[in-house]
Amino acid sequence: MARPGRPRSVLEGLALAVLVVVAFLAGMLVERLHSHAERDQMLRRYDQALKEHRSLLMEAEKRQESGTPRR
């Protein structure tokens, strides 16, 4: 004959396991969102630097074509 407290302890164990899994997945989600935010910020800085570099190159090419010296 089974003990009356056994099903309850099994249920509590399963509930604890579910909580641990949910906490683990939530932690993974938070870490992933944080890394995506850092990556997006880095890509924005890179894009801005690239635009500035291209702008300087175009300005230098225009000066070279027109023959005017740099200010």
PDB file of N, CA and C in Angstrom:
ATOM      1  N   MET A   1       0.830  -1.183   0.000  1.00  0.00           N
ATOM      2  CA  MET A   1       0.000   0.000   0.000  1.00  0.00           C
ATOM      3  C   MET A   1       0.878   1.251   0.000  1.00  0.00           C
ATOM      4  N   ALA A   2       0.507   2.216  -0.812  1.00  0.00           N
ATOM      5  CA  ALA A   2       1.295   3.440  -0.944  1.00  0.00           C
ATOM      6  C   ALA A   2       1.048   4.369   0.233  1.00  0.00           C
ATOM      7  N   ARG A   3       2.090   5.115   0.540  1.00  0.00           N
ATOM      8  CA  ARG A   3       1.945   6.099   1.615  1.00  0.00           C
ATOM      9  C   ARG A   3       1.104   7.276   1.124  1.00  0.00           C
ATOM     10  N   PRO A   4       0.279   7.856   1.993  1.00  0.00           N
ATOM     11  CA  PRO A   4      -0.580   8.956   1.559  1.00  0.00           C
ATOM     12  C   PRO A   4       0.203  10.221   1.199  1.00  0.00           C
ATOM     13  N   GLY A   5       1.374  10.437   1.754  1.00  0.00           N
ATOM     14  CA  GLY A   5       2.154  11.649   1.471  1.00  0.00           C
ATOM     15  C   GLY A   5       2.987  11.557   0.206  1.00  0.00           C
ATOM     16  N   ARG A   6       3.118  10.367  -0.347  1.00  0.00           N
ATOM     17  CA  ARG A   6       3.987  10.160  -1.516  1.00  0.00           C
ATOM     18  C   ARG A   6       3.527  10.942  -2.751  1.00  0.00           C
ATOM     19  N   PRO A   7       2.255  10.886  -3.161  1.00  0.00           N
ATOM     20  CA  PRO A   7       1.847  11.646  -4.351  1.00  0.00           C
ATOM     21  C   PRO A   7       2.079  13.150  -4.184  1.00  0.00           C
ATOM     22  N   ARG A   8       1.880  13.634  -2.982  1.00  0.00           N
ATOM     23  CA  ARG A   8       2.088  15.064  -2.748  1.00  0.00           C
ATOM     24  C   ARG A   8       3.563  15.434  -2.907  1.00  0.00           C
ATOM     25  N   SER A   9       4.464  14.611  -2.390  1.00  0.00           N
ATOM     26  CA  SER A   9       5.890  14.921  -2.500  1.00  0.00           C
ATOM     27  C   SER A   9       6.359  14.815  -3.953  1.00  0.00           C
ATOM     28  N   VAL A  10       5.785  13.877  -4.701  1.00  0.00           N
ATOM     29  CA  VAL A  10       6.120  13.775  -6.122  1.00  0.00           C
ATOM     30  C   VAL A  10       5.655  15.027  -6.854  1.00  0.00           C
ATOM     31  N   LEU A  11       4.455  15.483  -6.543  1.00  0.00           N
ATOM     32  CA  LEU A  11       3.915  16.691  -7.160  1.00  0.00           C
ATOM     33  C   LEU A  11       4.765  17.912  -6.807  1.00  0.00           C
ATOM     34  N   GLU A  12       5.186  18.001  -5.546  1.00  0.00           N
ATOM     35  CA  GLU A  12       6.049  19.111  -5.133  1.00  0.00           C
ATOM     36  C   GLU A  12       7.391  19.056  -5.858  1.00  0.00           C
ATOM     37  N   GLY A  13       7.921  17.852  -6.022  1.00  0.00           N
ATOM     38  CA  GLY A  13       9.181  17.695  -6.750  1.00  0.00           C
ATOM     39  C   GLY A  13       9.053  18.118  -8.203  1.00  0.00           C
ATOM     40  N   LEU A  14       7.958  17.722  -8.831  1.00  0.00           N
ATOM     41  CA  LEU A  14       7.728  18.130 -10.221  1.00  0.00           C
ATOM     42  C   LEU A  14       7.546  19.641 -10.337  1.00  0.00           C
ATOM     43  N   ALA A  15       6.821  20.229  -9.390  1.00  0.00           N
ATOM     44  CA  ALA A  15       6.626  21.680  -9.398  1.00  0.00           C
ATOM     45  C   ALA A  15       7.966  22.395  -9.240  1.00  0.00           C
ATOM     46  N   LEU A  16       8.818  21.879  -8.368  1.00  0.00           N
ATOM     47  CA  LEU A  16      10.145  22.462  -8.181  1.00  0.00           C
ATOM     48  C   LEU A  16      10.973  22.341  -9.462  1.00  0.00           C
ATOM     49  N   ALA A  17      10.909  21.193 -10.104  1.00  0.00           N
ATOM     50  CA  ALA A  17      11.645  20.996 -11.353  1.00  0.00           C
ATOM     51  C   ALA A  17      11.155  21.966 -12.429  1.00  0.00           C
ATOM     52  N   VAL A  18       9.847  22.160 -12.519  1.00  0.00           N
ATOM     53  CA  VAL A  18       9.293  23.101 -13.498  1.00  0.00           C
ATOM     54  C   VAL A  18       9.774  24.514 -13.197  1.00  0.00           C
ATOM     55  N   LEU A  19       9.774  24.899 -11.925  1.00  0.00           N
ATOM     56  CA  LEU A  19      10.245  26.234 -11.550  1.00  0.00           C
ATOM     57  C   LEU A  19      11.716  26.433 -11.913  1.00  0.00           C
ATOM     58  N   VAL A  20      12.531  25.420 -11.679  1.00  0.00           N
ATOM     59  CA  VAL A  20      13.953  25.513 -12.015  1.00  0.00           C
ATOM     60  C   VAL A  20      14.130  25.667 -13.523  1.00  0.00           C
ATOM     61  N   VAL A  21      13.394  24.894 -14.296  1.00  0.00           N
ATOM     62  CA  VAL A  21      13.496  24.981 -15.759  1.00  0.00           C
ATOM     63  C   VAL A  21      13.032  26.348 -16.251  1.00  0.00           C
ATOM     64  N   VAL A  22      11.929  26.853 -15.717  1.00  0.00           N
ATOM     65  CA  VAL A  22      11.422  28.170 -16.124  1.00  0.00           C
ATOM     66  C   VAL A  22      12.430  29.257 -15.755  1.00  0.00           C
ATOM     67  N   ALA A  23      13.015  29.177 -14.563  1.00  0.00           N
ATOM     68  CA  ALA A  23      14.018  30.160 -14.146  1.00  0.00           C
ATOM     69  C   ALA A  23      15.241  30.098 -15.058  1.00  0.00           C
ATOM     70  N   PHE A  24      15.659  28.894 -15.418  1.00  0.00           N
ATOM     71  CA  PHE A  24      16.802  28.728 -16.316  1.00  0.00           C
ATOM     72  C   PHE A  24      16.514  29.351 -17.676  1.00  0.00           C
ATOM     73  N   LEU A  25      15.341  29.069 -18.228  1.00  0.00           N
ATOM     74  CA  LEU A  25      14.984  29.624 -19.537  1.00  0.00           C
ATOM     75  C   LEU A  25      14.832  31.141 -19.480  1.00  0.00           C
ATOM     76  N   ALA A  26      14.294  31.655 -18.384  1.00  0.00           N
ATOM     77  CA  ALA A  26      14.177  33.110 -18.226  1.00  0.00           C
ATOM     78  C   ALA A  26      15.560  33.748 -18.167  1.00  0.00           C
ATOM     79  N   GLY A  27      16.486  33.114 -17.476  1.00  0.00           N
ATOM     80  CA  GLY A  27      17.863  33.613 -17.427  1.00  0.00           C
ATOM     81  C   GLY A  27      18.511  33.622 -18.796  1.00  0.00           C
ATOM     82  N   MET A  28      18.278  32.562 -19.565  1.00  0.00           N
ATOM     83  CA  MET A  28      18.819  32.515 -20.927  1.00  0.00           C
ATOM     84  C   MET A  28      18.232  33.630 -21.783  1.00  0.00           C
ATOM     85  N   LEU A  29      16.933  33.868 -21.643  1.00  0.00           N
ATOM     86  CA  LEU A  29      16.274  34.919 -22.411  1.00  0.00           C
ATOM     87  C   LEU A  29      16.842  36.289 -22.065  1.00  0.00           C
ATOM     88  N   VAL A  30      17.006  36.559 -20.783  1.00  0.00           N
ATOM     89  CA  VAL A  30      17.554  37.848 -20.355  1.00  0.00           C
ATOM     90  C   VAL A  30      18.968  38.024 -20.889  1.00  0.00           C
ATOM     91  N   GLU A  31      19.784  36.991 -20.796  1.00  0.00           N
ATOM     92  CA  GLU A  31      21.164  37.068 -21.294  1.00  0.00           C
ATOM     93  C   GLU A  31      21.187  37.312 -22.790  1.00  0.00           C
ATOM     94  N   ARG A  32      20.324  36.642 -23.521  1.00  0.00           N
ATOM     95  CA  ARG A  32      20.278  36.802 -24.973  1.00  0.00           C
ATOM     96  C   ARG A  32      19.824  38.210 -25.351  1.00  0.00           C
ATOM     97  N   LEU A  33      18.804  38.724 -24.672  1.00  0.00           N
ATOM     98  CA  LEU A  33      18.337  40.085 -24.950  1.00  0.00           C
ATOM     99  C   LEU A  33      19.433  41.105 -24.650  1.00  0.00           C
ATOM    100  N   HIS A  34      20.171  40.883 -23.578  1.00  0.00           N
ATOM    101  CA  HIS A  34      21.266  41.782 -23.217  1.00  0.00           C
ATOM    102  C   HIS A  34      22.362  41.748 -24.282  1.00  0.00           C
ATOM    103  N   SER A  35      22.725  40.566 -24.738  1.00  0.00           N
ATOM    104  CA  SER A  35      23.779  40.468 -25.751  1.00  0.00           C
ATOM    105  C   SER A  35      23.320  41.067 -27.076  1.00  0.00           C
ATOM    106  N   HIS A  36      22.030  40.918 -27.411  1.00  0.00           N
ATOM    107  CA  HIS A  36      21.518  41.538 -28.638  1.00  0.00           C
ATOM    108  C   HIS A  36      21.552  43.057 -28.528  1.00  0.00           C
ATOM    109  N   ALA A  37      21.234  43.590 -27.368  1.00  0.00           N
ATOM    110  CA  ALA A  37      21.278  45.046 -27.176  1.00  0.00           C
ATOM    111  C   ALA A  37      22.706  45.560 -27.316  1.00  0.00           C
ATOM    112  N   GLU A  38      23.668  44.837 -26.746  1.00  0.00           N
ATOM    113  CA  GLU A  38      25.074  45.232 -26.879  1.00  0.00           C
ATOM    114  C   GLU A  38      25.519  45.156 -28.334  1.00  0.00           C
ATOM    115  N   ARG A  39      25.111  44.100 -29.032  1.00  0.00           N
ATOM    116  CA  ARG A  39      25.485  43.952 -30.433  1.00  0.00           C
ATOM    117  C   ARG A  39      24.877  45.063 -31.278  1.00  0.00           C
ATOM    118  N   ASP A  40      23.616  45.396 -31.029  1.00  0.00           N
ATOM    119  CA  ASP A  40      22.967  46.466 -31.783  1.00  0.00           C
ATOM    120  C   ASP A  40      23.665  47.799 -31.558  1.00  0.00           C
ATOM    121  N   GLN A  41      24.055  48.063 -30.319  1.00  0.00           N
ATOM    122  CA  GLN A  41      24.759  49.306 -30.019  1.00  0.00           C
ATOM    123  C   GLN A  41      26.106  49.344 -30.745  1.00  0.00           C
ATOM    124  N   MET A  42      26.826  48.239 -30.742  1.00  0.00           N
ATOM    125  CA  MET A  42      28.113  48.174 -31.425  1.00  0.00           C
ATOM    126  C   MET A  42      27.935  48.359 -32.929  1.00  0.00           C
ATOM    127  N   LEU A  43      26.892  47.759 -33.505  1.00  0.00           N
ATOM    128  CA  LEU A  43      26.646  47.904 -34.935  1.00  0.00           C
ATOM    129  C   LEU A  43      26.264  49.333 -35.294  1.00  0.00           C
ATOM    130  N   ARG A  44      25.530  50.015 -34.420  1.00  0.00           N
ATOM    131  CA  ARG A  44      25.201  51.427 -34.665  1.00  0.00           C
ATOM    132  C   ARG A  44      26.463  52.282 -34.674  1.00  0.00           C
ATOM    133  N   ARG A  45      27.375  52.036 -33.713  1.00  0.00           N
ATOM    134  CA  ARG A  45      28.641  52.789 -33.682  1.00  0.00           C
ATOM    135  C   ARG A  45      29.458  52.501 -34.937  1.00  0.00           C
ATOM    136  N   TYR A  46      29.520  51.249 -35.343  1.00  0.00           N
ATOM    137  CA  TYR A  46      30.263  50.880 -36.542  1.00  0.00           C
ATOM    138  C   TYR A  46      29.656  51.539 -37.774  1.00  0.00           C
ATOM    139  N   ASP A  47      28.337  51.526 -37.882  1.00  0.00           N
ATOM    140  CA  ASP A  47      27.661  52.136 -39.025  1.00  0.00           C
ATOM    141  C   ASP A  47      27.941  53.634 -39.080  1.00  0.00           C
ATOM    142  N   GLN A  48      27.917  54.299 -37.931  1.00  0.00           N
ATOM    143  CA  GLN A  48      28.200  55.735 -37.891  1.00  0.00           C
ATOM    144  C   GLN A  48      29.642  56.001 -38.316  1.00  0.00           C
ATOM    145  N   ALA A  49      30.582  55.219 -37.817  1.00  0.00           N
ATOM    146  CA  ALA A  49      31.988  55.395 -38.195  1.00  0.00           C
ATOM    147  C   ALA A  49      32.178  55.143 -39.690  1.00  0.00           C
ATOM    148  N   LEU A  50      31.489  54.157 -40.226  1.00  0.00           N
ATOM    149  CA  LEU A  50      31.587  53.855 -41.653  1.00  0.00           C
ATOM    150  C   LEU A  50      31.028  54.999 -42.494  1.00  0.00           C
ATOM    151  N   LYS A  51      29.898  55.573 -42.071  1.00  0.00           N
ATOM    152  CA  LYS A  51      29.324  56.712 -42.790  1.00  0.00           C
ATOM    153  C   LYS A  51      30.275  57.900 -42.777  1.00  0.00           C
ATOM    154  N   GLU A  52      30.889  58.169 -41.613  1.00  0.00           N
ATOM    155  CA  GLU A  52      31.842  59.276 -41.522  1.00  0.00           C
ATOM    156  C   GLU A  52      33.044  59.029 -42.426  1.00  0.00           C
ATOM    157  N   HIS A  53      33.533  57.810 -42.442  1.00  0.00           N
ATOM    158  CA  HIS A  53      34.684  57.473 -43.281  1.00  0.00           C
ATOM    159  C   HIS A  53      34.343  57.645 -44.759  1.00  0.00           C
ATOM    160  N   ARG A  54      33.193  57.151 -45.174  1.00  0.00           N
ATOM    161  CA  ARG A  54      32.781  57.295 -46.574  1.00  0.00           C
ATOM    162  C   ARG A  54      32.596  58.760 -46.939  1.00  0.00           C
ATOM    163  N   SER A  55      32.060  59.537 -46.016  1.00  0.00           N
ATOM    164  CA  SER A  55      31.873  60.966 -46.257  1.00  0.00           C
ATOM    165  C   SER A  55      33.222  61.650 -46.459  1.00  0.00           C
ATOM    166  N   LEU A  56      34.195  61.309 -45.629  1.00  0.00           N
ATOM    167  CA  LEU A  56      35.532  61.885 -45.784  1.00  0.00           C
ATOM    168  C   LEU A  56      36.157  61.467 -47.110  1.00  0.00           C
ATOM    169  N   LEU A  57      35.968  60.220 -47.504  1.00  0.00           N
ATOM    170  CA  LEU A  57      36.509  59.762 -48.786  1.00  0.00           C
ATOM    171  C   LEU A  57      35.875  60.506 -49.953  1.00  0.00           C
ATOM    172  N   MET A  58      34.557  60.678 -49.910  1.00  0.00           N
ATOM    173  CA  MET A  58      33.880  61.395 -50.994  1.00  0.00           C
ATOM    174  C   MET A  58      34.336  62.849 -51.048  1.00  0.00           C
ATOM    175  N   GLU A  59      34.508  63.459 -49.889  1.00  0.00           N
ATOM    176  CA  GLU A  59      34.979  64.843 -49.845  1.00  0.00           C
ATOM    177  C   GLU A  59      36.381  64.948 -50.434  1.00  0.00           C
ATOM    178  N   ALA A  60      37.254  64.016 -50.086  1.00  0.00           N
ATOM    179  CA  ALA A  60      38.619  64.028 -50.623  1.00  0.00           C
ATOM    180  C   ALA A  60      38.611  63.803 -52.132  1.00  0.00           C
ATOM    181  N   GLU A  61      37.763  62.907 -52.618  1.00  0.00           N
ATOM    182  CA  GLU A  61      37.683  62.660 -54.060  1.00  0.00           C
ATOM    183  C   GLU A  61      37.164  63.884 -54.796  1.00  0.00           C
ATOM    184  N   LYS A  62      36.182  64.569 -54.230  1.00  0.00           N
ATOM    185  CA  LYS A  62      35.655  65.780 -54.861  1.00  0.00           C
ATOM    186  C   LYS A  62      36.722  66.861 -54.929  1.00  0.00           C
ATOM    187  N   ARG A  63      37.494  67.019 -53.843  1.00  0.00           N
ATOM    188  CA  ARG A  63      38.571  68.012 -53.847  1.00  0.00           C
ATOM    189  C   ARG A  63      39.631  67.659 -54.876  1.00  0.00           C
ATOM    190  N   GLN A  64      39.931  66.386 -54.986  1.00  0.00           N
ATOM    191  CA  GLN A  64      40.951  65.948 -55.926  1.00  0.00           C
ATOM    192  C   GLN A  64      40.490  66.181 -57.363  1.00  0.00           C
ATOM    193  N   GLU A  65      39.226  65.929 -57.652  1.00  0.00           N
ATOM    194  CA  GLU A  65      38.691  66.137 -58.997  1.00  0.00           C
ATOM    195  C   GLU A  65      38.641  67.612 -59.356  1.00  0.00           C
ATOM    196  N   SER A  66      38.284  68.458 -58.403  1.00  0.00           N
ATOM    197  CA  SER A  66      38.162  69.883 -58.704  1.00  0.00           C
ATOM    198  C   SER A  66      39.504  70.593 -58.605  1.00  0.00           C
ATOM    199  N   GLY A  67      40.481  69.991 -57.979  1.00  0.00           N
ATOM    200  CA  GLY A  67      41.808  70.577 -57.890  1.00  0.00           C
ATOM    201  C   GLY A  67      41.938  71.639 -56.817  1.00  0.00           C
ATOM    202  N   THR A  68      40.966  71.771 -55.957  1.00  0.00           N
ATOM    203  CA  THR A  68      41.063  72.764 -54.888  1.00  0.00           C
ATOM    204  C   THR A  68      41.775  72.155 -53.693  1.00  0.00           C
ATOM    205  N   PRO A  69      42.632  72.947 -53.060  1.00  0.00           N
ATOM    206  CA  PRO A  69      43.346  72.412 -51.890  1.00  0.00           C
ATOM    207  C   PRO A  69      42.415  72.286 -50.692  1.00  0.00           C
ATOM    208  N   ARG A  70      42.854  71.480 -49.792  1.00  0.00           N
ATOM    209  CA  ARG A  70      42.063  71.257 -48.571  1.00  0.00           C
ATOM    210  C   ARG A  70      42.144  72.487 -47.685  1.00  0.00           C
ATOM    211  N   ARG A  71      41.070  72.781 -46.992  1.00  0.00           N
ATOM    212  CA  ARG A  71      41.035  73.950 -46.105  1.00  0.00           C
ATOM    213  C   ARG A  71      41.944  73.778 -44.933  1.00  0.00           C
TER     214      ARG A  71
END
